[in-house]
């Protein structure tokens, strides 16, 4: 009898506790504000199922003037994987587009002057996410992700005081030198792109061992196998970001920063003092000149350097003045 009484009491208390929730069963409470006021959202407004979209894989894509057939199952699925990655790594993909508005205008003319196809800017995109201070765990650095030795081999100064792998213009020029050398060897830009990741020796060896002429037909480690398809996926995304669900305004993009250029032929003992004399601070100086790696410029070899200093107006955003480098990147 006592047991039945206790069960009845328990059921009564349970119903009393749940009754407000049962009455509002069509609503979801959300707490907002410091006083924890309750905002109710109608459940009918929440879809029962969220549908995730994917990008339709093209049958063909052009890279550096060459038509690449993507209908074979392995190419189709590899392309699908990379397009999905760009579509659903939202923050990284959107940041790449924002940064490209600042750096593509610098990089494209250098590629053109050196006879490198414009599509190679997308190689830079996947190497560094268009981040000039990017550094890999292996020690590759800058927009083009040069290792120290490769950077020096292609004309960059790399030491503890100066690291031109972080110099936008000079590292792009060095990348052009590498790419031209690789093209002279392979006469095929797709193979050149693959060699940028795997190295020319590895690509040449595997082309011979596997007895194929097309580098896309090679069986390689996963990173290299994905590499060219990631470049192609970047090209597709940059040509139409809205098809990936990225709707940017012109004011969302990063503008080119107006700067004044100072030519330096001697050392600078204290860059913090030097920056202050130019009306900025050391932090801003390093952001505009990431190739400076210490608080001094030793310049023991008496080289000529050009240091960028933002103008007073250039240090502040004016969203109304930001112009998209490519109109396809933004919506009206």
Protein backbone atom coordinates (compact mmCIF):
# COMPACT_ATOMS: atom_id res chain seq x y z
CA UNK A 1 0.00 0.00 0.00
CA UNK A 2 2.77 2.39 0.96
CA UNK A 3 4.63 1.54 -2.25
CA UNK A 4 1.55 2.38 -4.37
CA UNK A 5 1.16 5.69 -2.50
CA UNK A 6 4.77 6.64 -3.20
CA UNK A 7 4.40 5.82 -6.91
CA UNK A 8 1.28 8.00 -7.10
CA UNK A 9 3.08 10.92 -5.46
CA UNK A 10 6.03 10.51 -7.84
CA UNK A 11 3.78 10.50 -10.90
CA UNK A 12 1.93 13.60 -9.67
CA UNK A 13 5.17 15.53 -9.17
CA UNK A 14 6.47 14.45 -12.57
CA UNK A 15 3.31 15.64 -14.32
CA UNK A 16 3.42 18.93 -12.44
CA UNK A 17 7.02 19.49 -13.59
CA UNK A 18 6.36 18.56 -17.21
CA UNK A 19 3.04 20.33 -17.67
CA UNK A 20 4.52 23.71 -18.79
CA UNK A 21 6.65 21.88 -21.36
CA UNK A 22 3.66 19.88 -22.58
CA UNK A 23 1.56 22.99 -22.95
CA UNK A 24 4.29 24.62 -25.05
CA UNK A 25 5.23 21.43 -26.89
CA UNK A 26 5.23 23.20 -30.25
CA UNK A 27 7.92 25.64 -29.15
CA UNK A 28 11.65 25.48 -28.49
CA UNK A 29 12.91 27.76 -25.69
CA UNK A 30 15.99 29.82 -26.31
CA UNK A 31 17.54 31.92 -23.54
CA UNK A 32 18.73 35.39 -24.50
CA UNK A 33 20.20 38.29 -22.60
CA UNK A 34 21.54 38.68 -19.11
CA UNK A 35 18.12 38.18 -17.49
CA UNK A 36 17.67 34.85 -19.32
CA UNK A 37 14.39 35.88 -20.91
CA UNK A 38 12.91 32.99 -22.87
CA UNK A 39 12.30 33.33 -26.59
CA UNK A 40 10.10 30.65 -28.13
CA UNK A 41 10.68 29.51 -31.71
CA UNK A 42 7.85 27.68 -33.42
CA UNK A 43 8.90 24.11 -34.13
CA UNK A 44 7.06 24.25 -37.45
CA UNK A 45 9.66 26.79 -38.62
CA UNK A 46 12.49 24.27 -38.15
CA UNK A 47 12.79 21.87 -41.12
CA UNK A 48 12.56 18.17 -40.32
CA UNK A 49 15.46 17.49 -42.62
CA UNK A 50 18.35 19.64 -43.76
CA UNK A 51 19.34 19.05 -47.37
CA UNK A 52 23.03 19.43 -48.17
CA UNK A 53 23.87 20.47 -51.70
CA UNK A 54 26.86 19.48 -53.80
CA UNK A 55 28.47 21.04 -56.84
CA UNK A 56 27.79 19.34 -60.16
CA UNK A 57 31.07 17.90 -61.40
CA UNK A 58 31.90 19.24 -64.87
CA UNK A 59 32.70 16.74 -67.59
CA UNK A 60 35.69 18.78 -68.69
CA UNK A 61 37.82 21.60 -67.31
CA UNK A 62 40.53 23.69 -68.92
CA UNK A 63 43.87 24.19 -67.20
CA UNK A 64 46.52 26.34 -68.84
CA UNK A 65 44.82 25.88 -72.21
CA UNK A 66 44.64 22.10 -71.90
CA UNK A 67 41.30 20.30 -71.76
CA UNK A 68 41.08 17.76 -68.93
CA UNK A 69 38.44 15.03 -69.22
CA UNK A 70 36.77 14.42 -65.85
CA UNK A 71 34.30 11.75 -66.92
CA UNK A 72 36.48 8.77 -65.98
CA UNK A 73 35.32 7.50 -62.59
CA UNK A 74 38.56 8.13 -60.70
CA UNK A 75 38.91 11.70 -61.95
CA UNK A 76 35.23 12.41 -61.34
CA UNK A 77 35.44 11.20 -57.73
CA UNK A 78 38.71 13.00 -57.01
CA UNK A 79 37.24 16.21 -58.37
CA UNK A 80 34.13 15.65 -56.27
CA UNK A 81 36.19 15.27 -53.10
CA UNK A 82 38.05 18.55 -53.60
CA UNK A 83 34.95 20.54 -54.55
CA UNK A 84 33.19 19.26 -51.42
CA UNK A 85 36.19 20.29 -49.33
CA UNK A 86 36.10 23.85 -50.67
CA UNK A 87 32.32 24.03 -50.31
CA UNK A 88 32.19 22.94 -46.68
CA UNK A 89 35.37 24.46 -45.24
CA UNK A 90 33.50 27.76 -45.30
CA UNK A 91 35.77 29.99 -43.22
CA UNK A 92 38.93 29.03 -45.09
CA UNK A 93 37.35 29.29 -48.55
CA UNK A 94 35.80 32.67 -47.84
CA UNK A 95 39.05 34.02 -46.40
CA UNK A 96 40.89 32.93 -49.54
CA UNK A 97 38.52 35.00 -51.69
CA UNK A 98 38.83 38.00 -49.37
CA UNK A 99 42.65 37.86 -49.47
CA UNK A 100 42.78 37.25 -53.22
CA UNK A 101 41.29 40.71 -53.73
CA UNK A 102 44.52 42.11 -52.27
CA UNK A 103 47.09 39.72 -53.75
CA UNK A 104 45.82 38.61 -57.18
CA UNK A 105 46.41 42.14 -58.61
CA UNK A 106 50.06 41.81 -57.55
CA UNK A 107 50.61 38.21 -58.62
CA UNK A 108 48.86 38.06 -61.99
CA UNK A 109 51.09 40.65 -63.74
CA UNK A 110 54.23 38.85 -62.52
CA UNK A 111 52.99 35.54 -63.92
CA UNK A 112 52.14 37.23 -67.21
CA UNK A 113 55.54 38.94 -67.53
CA UNK A 114 57.25 35.59 -67.04
CA UNK A 115 55.09 33.68 -69.52
CA UNK A 116 53.44 31.56 -66.80
CA UNK A 117 49.76 30.72 -67.40
CA UNK A 118 47.37 32.67 -65.20
CA UNK A 119 45.90 29.43 -63.82
CA UNK A 120 49.02 28.98 -61.67
CA UNK A 121 47.70 31.58 -59.26
CA UNK A 122 45.37 28.80 -58.10
CA UNK A 123 48.41 26.70 -57.25
CA UNK A 124 49.41 29.53 -54.93
CA UNK A 125 45.87 29.49 -53.50
CA UNK A 126 46.07 25.87 -52.39
CA UNK A 127 49.67 26.14 -51.25
CA UNK A 128 49.09 28.94 -48.74
CA UNK A 129 45.36 29.78 -48.66
CA UNK A 130 46.51 33.16 -50.04
CA UNK A 131 48.23 33.88 -46.73
CA UNK A 132 51.66 35.52 -47.20
CA UNK A 133 52.84 34.48 -43.73
CA UNK A 134 51.73 30.85 -44.03
CA UNK A 135 54.21 28.31 -42.71
CA UNK A 136 53.88 24.53 -42.86
CA UNK A 137 54.99 22.07 -40.21
CA UNK A 138 57.74 21.00 -42.61
CA UNK A 139 59.09 24.55 -42.75
CA UNK A 140 57.75 25.69 -46.14
CA UNK A 141 56.88 29.39 -46.02
CA UNK A 142 55.07 32.20 -47.78
CA UNK A 143 52.46 32.39 -50.51
CA UNK A 144 54.29 29.81 -52.63
CA UNK A 145 55.46 27.64 -49.73
CA UNK A 146 59.14 27.40 -50.56
CA UNK A 147 61.45 25.32 -48.44
CA UNK A 148 64.64 27.17 -47.47
CA UNK A 149 66.88 25.40 -49.98
CA UNK A 150 64.44 25.69 -52.87
CA UNK A 151 63.92 29.35 -52.10
CA UNK A 152 67.66 30.05 -52.21
CA UNK A 153 68.02 27.99 -55.41
CA UNK A 154 65.47 30.27 -57.04
CA UNK A 155 67.06 33.56 -56.02
CA UNK A 156 65.58 34.33 -52.61
CA UNK A 157 67.54 35.54 -49.61
CA UNK A 158 66.75 33.24 -46.72
CA UNK A 159 68.39 33.61 -43.32
CA UNK A 160 67.53 34.50 -39.73
CA UNK A 161 67.37 38.22 -40.49
CA UNK A 162 65.76 38.28 -43.94
CA UNK A 163 63.44 35.67 -45.41
CA UNK A 164 62.20 36.62 -48.85
CA UNK A 165 59.95 33.59 -49.03
CA UNK A 166 57.53 35.93 -47.24
CA UNK A 167 58.01 38.68 -49.83
CA UNK A 168 54.97 38.70 -52.11
CA UNK A 169 56.62 39.97 -55.29
CA UNK A 170 60.01 38.27 -54.90
CA UNK A 171 58.56 34.89 -53.95
CA UNK A 172 56.23 35.03 -56.95
CA UNK A 173 59.19 35.80 -59.19
CA UNK A 174 61.01 32.81 -57.67
CA UNK A 175 57.99 30.59 -58.29
CA UNK A 176 57.99 31.69 -61.93
CA UNK A 177 61.65 30.70 -62.22
CA UNK A 178 60.89 27.23 -60.87
CA UNK A 179 57.81 26.78 -63.07
CA UNK A 180 59.63 27.85 -66.24
CA UNK A 181 62.42 25.39 -65.49
CA UNK A 182 59.94 22.57 -64.95
CA UNK A 183 58.09 23.41 -68.16
CA UNK A 184 61.32 23.33 -70.13
CA UNK A 185 61.69 19.76 -68.88
CA UNK A 186 58.11 18.43 -69.26
CA UNK A 187 56.48 20.69 -71.86
CA UNK A 188 53.21 20.09 -70.05
CA UNK A 189 51.75 22.47 -67.46
CA UNK A 190 49.73 19.79 -65.63
CA UNK A 191 52.91 17.82 -65.02
CA UNK A 192 54.65 21.03 -63.94
CA UNK A 193 51.91 21.58 -61.35
CA UNK A 194 52.27 18.03 -60.03
CA UNK A 195 56.04 18.44 -59.78
CA UNK A 196 55.63 21.54 -57.63
CA UNK A 197 54.26 19.26 -54.93
CA UNK A 198 56.15 16.02 -55.44
CA UNK A 199 59.40 17.30 -56.92
CA UNK A 200 60.65 16.83 -60.45
CA UNK A 201 62.78 13.80 -59.63
CA UNK A 202 59.82 11.93 -58.14
CA UNK A 203 57.46 12.75 -61.01
CA UNK A 204 60.03 11.82 -63.66
CA UNK A 205 60.81 8.56 -61.88
CA UNK A 206 57.18 7.53 -61.57
CA UNK A 207 56.32 8.45 -65.16
CA UNK A 208 59.06 6.04 -66.25
CA UNK A 209 58.23 3.27 -63.76
CA UNK A 210 54.47 3.35 -64.35
CA UNK A 211 54.91 3.79 -68.13
CA UNK A 212 52.41 6.61 -68.57
CA UNK A 213 52.77 10.02 -70.21
CA UNK A 214 49.96 11.82 -68.37
CA UNK A 215 50.82 12.74 -64.78
CA UNK A 216 47.12 12.53 -63.84
CA UNK A 217 47.37 8.78 -64.50
CA UNK A 218 50.11 8.25 -61.92
CA UNK A 219 49.53 6.29 -58.73
CA UNK A 220 51.14 8.50 -56.08
CA UNK A 221 50.88 9.29 -52.38
CA UNK A 222 47.51 10.78 -51.49
CA UNK A 223 48.73 14.37 -51.09
CA UNK A 224 50.22 14.46 -54.59
CA UNK A 225 47.30 12.56 -56.12
CA UNK A 226 44.93 15.22 -54.75
CA UNK A 227 47.16 18.16 -55.62
CA UNK A 228 46.17 19.01 -59.19
CA UNK A 229 42.49 18.37 -58.46
CA UNK A 230 42.68 20.85 -55.58
CA UNK A 231 44.07 23.44 -58.00
CA UNK A 232 41.20 22.74 -60.39
CA UNK A 233 38.66 22.98 -57.56
CA UNK A 234 40.10 26.34 -56.51
CA UNK A 235 39.72 27.61 -60.07
CA UNK A 236 36.08 26.52 -60.18
CA UNK A 237 35.30 28.13 -56.82
CA UNK A 238 36.96 31.45 -57.68
CA UNK A 239 35.09 31.61 -60.96
CA UNK A 240 31.72 31.35 -59.22
CA UNK A 241 31.75 31.56 -55.38
CA UNK A 242 27.97 31.93 -55.15
CA UNK A 243 27.53 28.44 -56.62
CA UNK A 244 29.29 27.21 -53.47
CA UNK A 245 26.94 29.19 -51.25
CA UNK A 246 29.41 32.06 -50.68
CA UNK A 247 27.68 35.42 -51.08
CA UNK A 248 30.16 38.22 -50.46
CA UNK A 249 29.73 41.96 -50.76
CA UNK A 250 32.45 44.22 -52.11
CA UNK A 251 32.88 45.60 -48.59
CA UNK A 252 33.71 42.09 -47.35
CA UNK A 253 36.86 41.89 -49.46
CA UNK A 254 40.33 42.94 -48.31
CA UNK A 255 41.49 46.01 -50.22
CA UNK A 256 44.96 46.73 -51.50
CA UNK A 257 46.66 48.81 -48.80
CA UNK A 258 48.01 52.13 -50.11
CA UNK A 259 51.69 52.35 -49.18
CA UNK A 260 54.75 54.51 -49.53
CA UNK A 261 57.95 52.75 -50.56
CA UNK A 262 61.28 53.48 -48.86
CA UNK A 263 64.53 52.39 -50.47
CA UNK A 264 67.10 51.20 -47.94
CA UNK A 265 70.75 50.48 -48.77
CA UNK A 266 72.20 50.35 -45.26
CA UNK A 267 71.34 48.53 -42.06
CA UNK A 268 68.67 49.65 -39.60
CA UNK A 269 69.67 49.07 -35.98
CA UNK A 270 66.16 49.28 -34.52
CA UNK A 271 63.14 48.80 -36.76
CA UNK A 272 60.78 49.85 -33.96
CA UNK A 273 62.42 53.28 -33.86
CA UNK A 274 62.52 53.43 -37.66
CA UNK A 275 58.81 52.59 -37.86
CA UNK A 276 57.92 55.24 -35.30
CA UNK A 277 59.82 57.85 -37.31
CA UNK A 278 57.62 56.92 -40.27
CA UNK A 279 54.41 57.41 -38.28
CA UNK A 280 53.56 53.74 -37.68
CA UNK A 281 54.47 51.03 -35.17
CA UNK A 282 56.62 47.92 -35.45
CA UNK A 283 53.58 45.63 -35.71
CA UNK A 284 52.26 47.43 -38.80
CA UNK A 285 55.74 47.45 -40.31
CA UNK A 286 56.04 43.69 -39.95
CA UNK A 287 52.56 43.07 -41.33
CA UNK A 288 53.39 44.99 -44.51
CA UNK A 289 56.92 43.54 -44.71
CA UNK A 290 56.80 39.99 -43.31
CA UNK A 291 60.16 39.21 -44.93
CA UNK A 292 61.77 41.24 -42.11
CA UNK A 293 62.35 38.56 -39.48
CA UNK A 294 64.04 40.46 -36.64
CA UNK A 295 63.85 43.88 -34.99
CA UNK A 296 66.82 45.04 -37.03
CA UNK A 297 67.89 45.00 -40.65
CA UNK A 298 71.52 43.94 -40.65
CA UNK A 299 72.20 44.26 -44.39
CA UNK A 300 75.80 43.10 -44.08
CA UNK A 301 76.02 42.63 -47.84
CA UNK A 302 74.81 46.21 -48.49
CA UNK A 303 71.88 45.14 -50.64
CA UNK A 304 69.03 47.40 -51.67
CA UNK A 305 65.68 46.73 -50.02
CA UNK A 306 62.31 48.38 -50.46
CA UNK A 307 60.26 48.70 -47.29
CA UNK A 308 56.54 49.43 -47.46
CA UNK A 309 54.86 51.81 -45.03
CA UNK A 310 51.07 52.27 -45.11
CA UNK A 311 49.82 55.76 -45.79
CA UNK A 312 47.78 57.42 -43.08
CA UNK A 313 44.60 56.93 -45.11
CA UNK A 314 45.60 53.40 -46.05
CA UNK A 315 45.56 52.21 -42.45
CA UNK A 316 41.79 52.63 -42.15
CA UNK A 317 38.95 50.84 -43.87
CA UNK A 318 36.45 52.67 -46.03
CA UNK A 319 33.98 50.00 -47.17
CA UNK A 320 32.55 52.31 -49.81
CA UNK A 321 35.94 52.50 -51.53
CA UNK A 322 36.58 48.75 -51.78
CA UNK A 323 36.42 47.59 -55.38
CA UNK A 324 36.20 43.87 -56.19
CA UNK A 325 39.10 42.70 -58.34
CA UNK A 326 36.75 40.20 -59.95
CA UNK A 327 33.06 41.08 -60.10
CA UNK A 328 32.16 37.37 -59.99
CA UNK A 329 33.34 37.26 -56.38
CA UNK A 330 30.54 39.46 -55.06
CA UNK A 331 26.80 39.89 -55.23
CA UNK A 332 25.13 43.25 -55.75
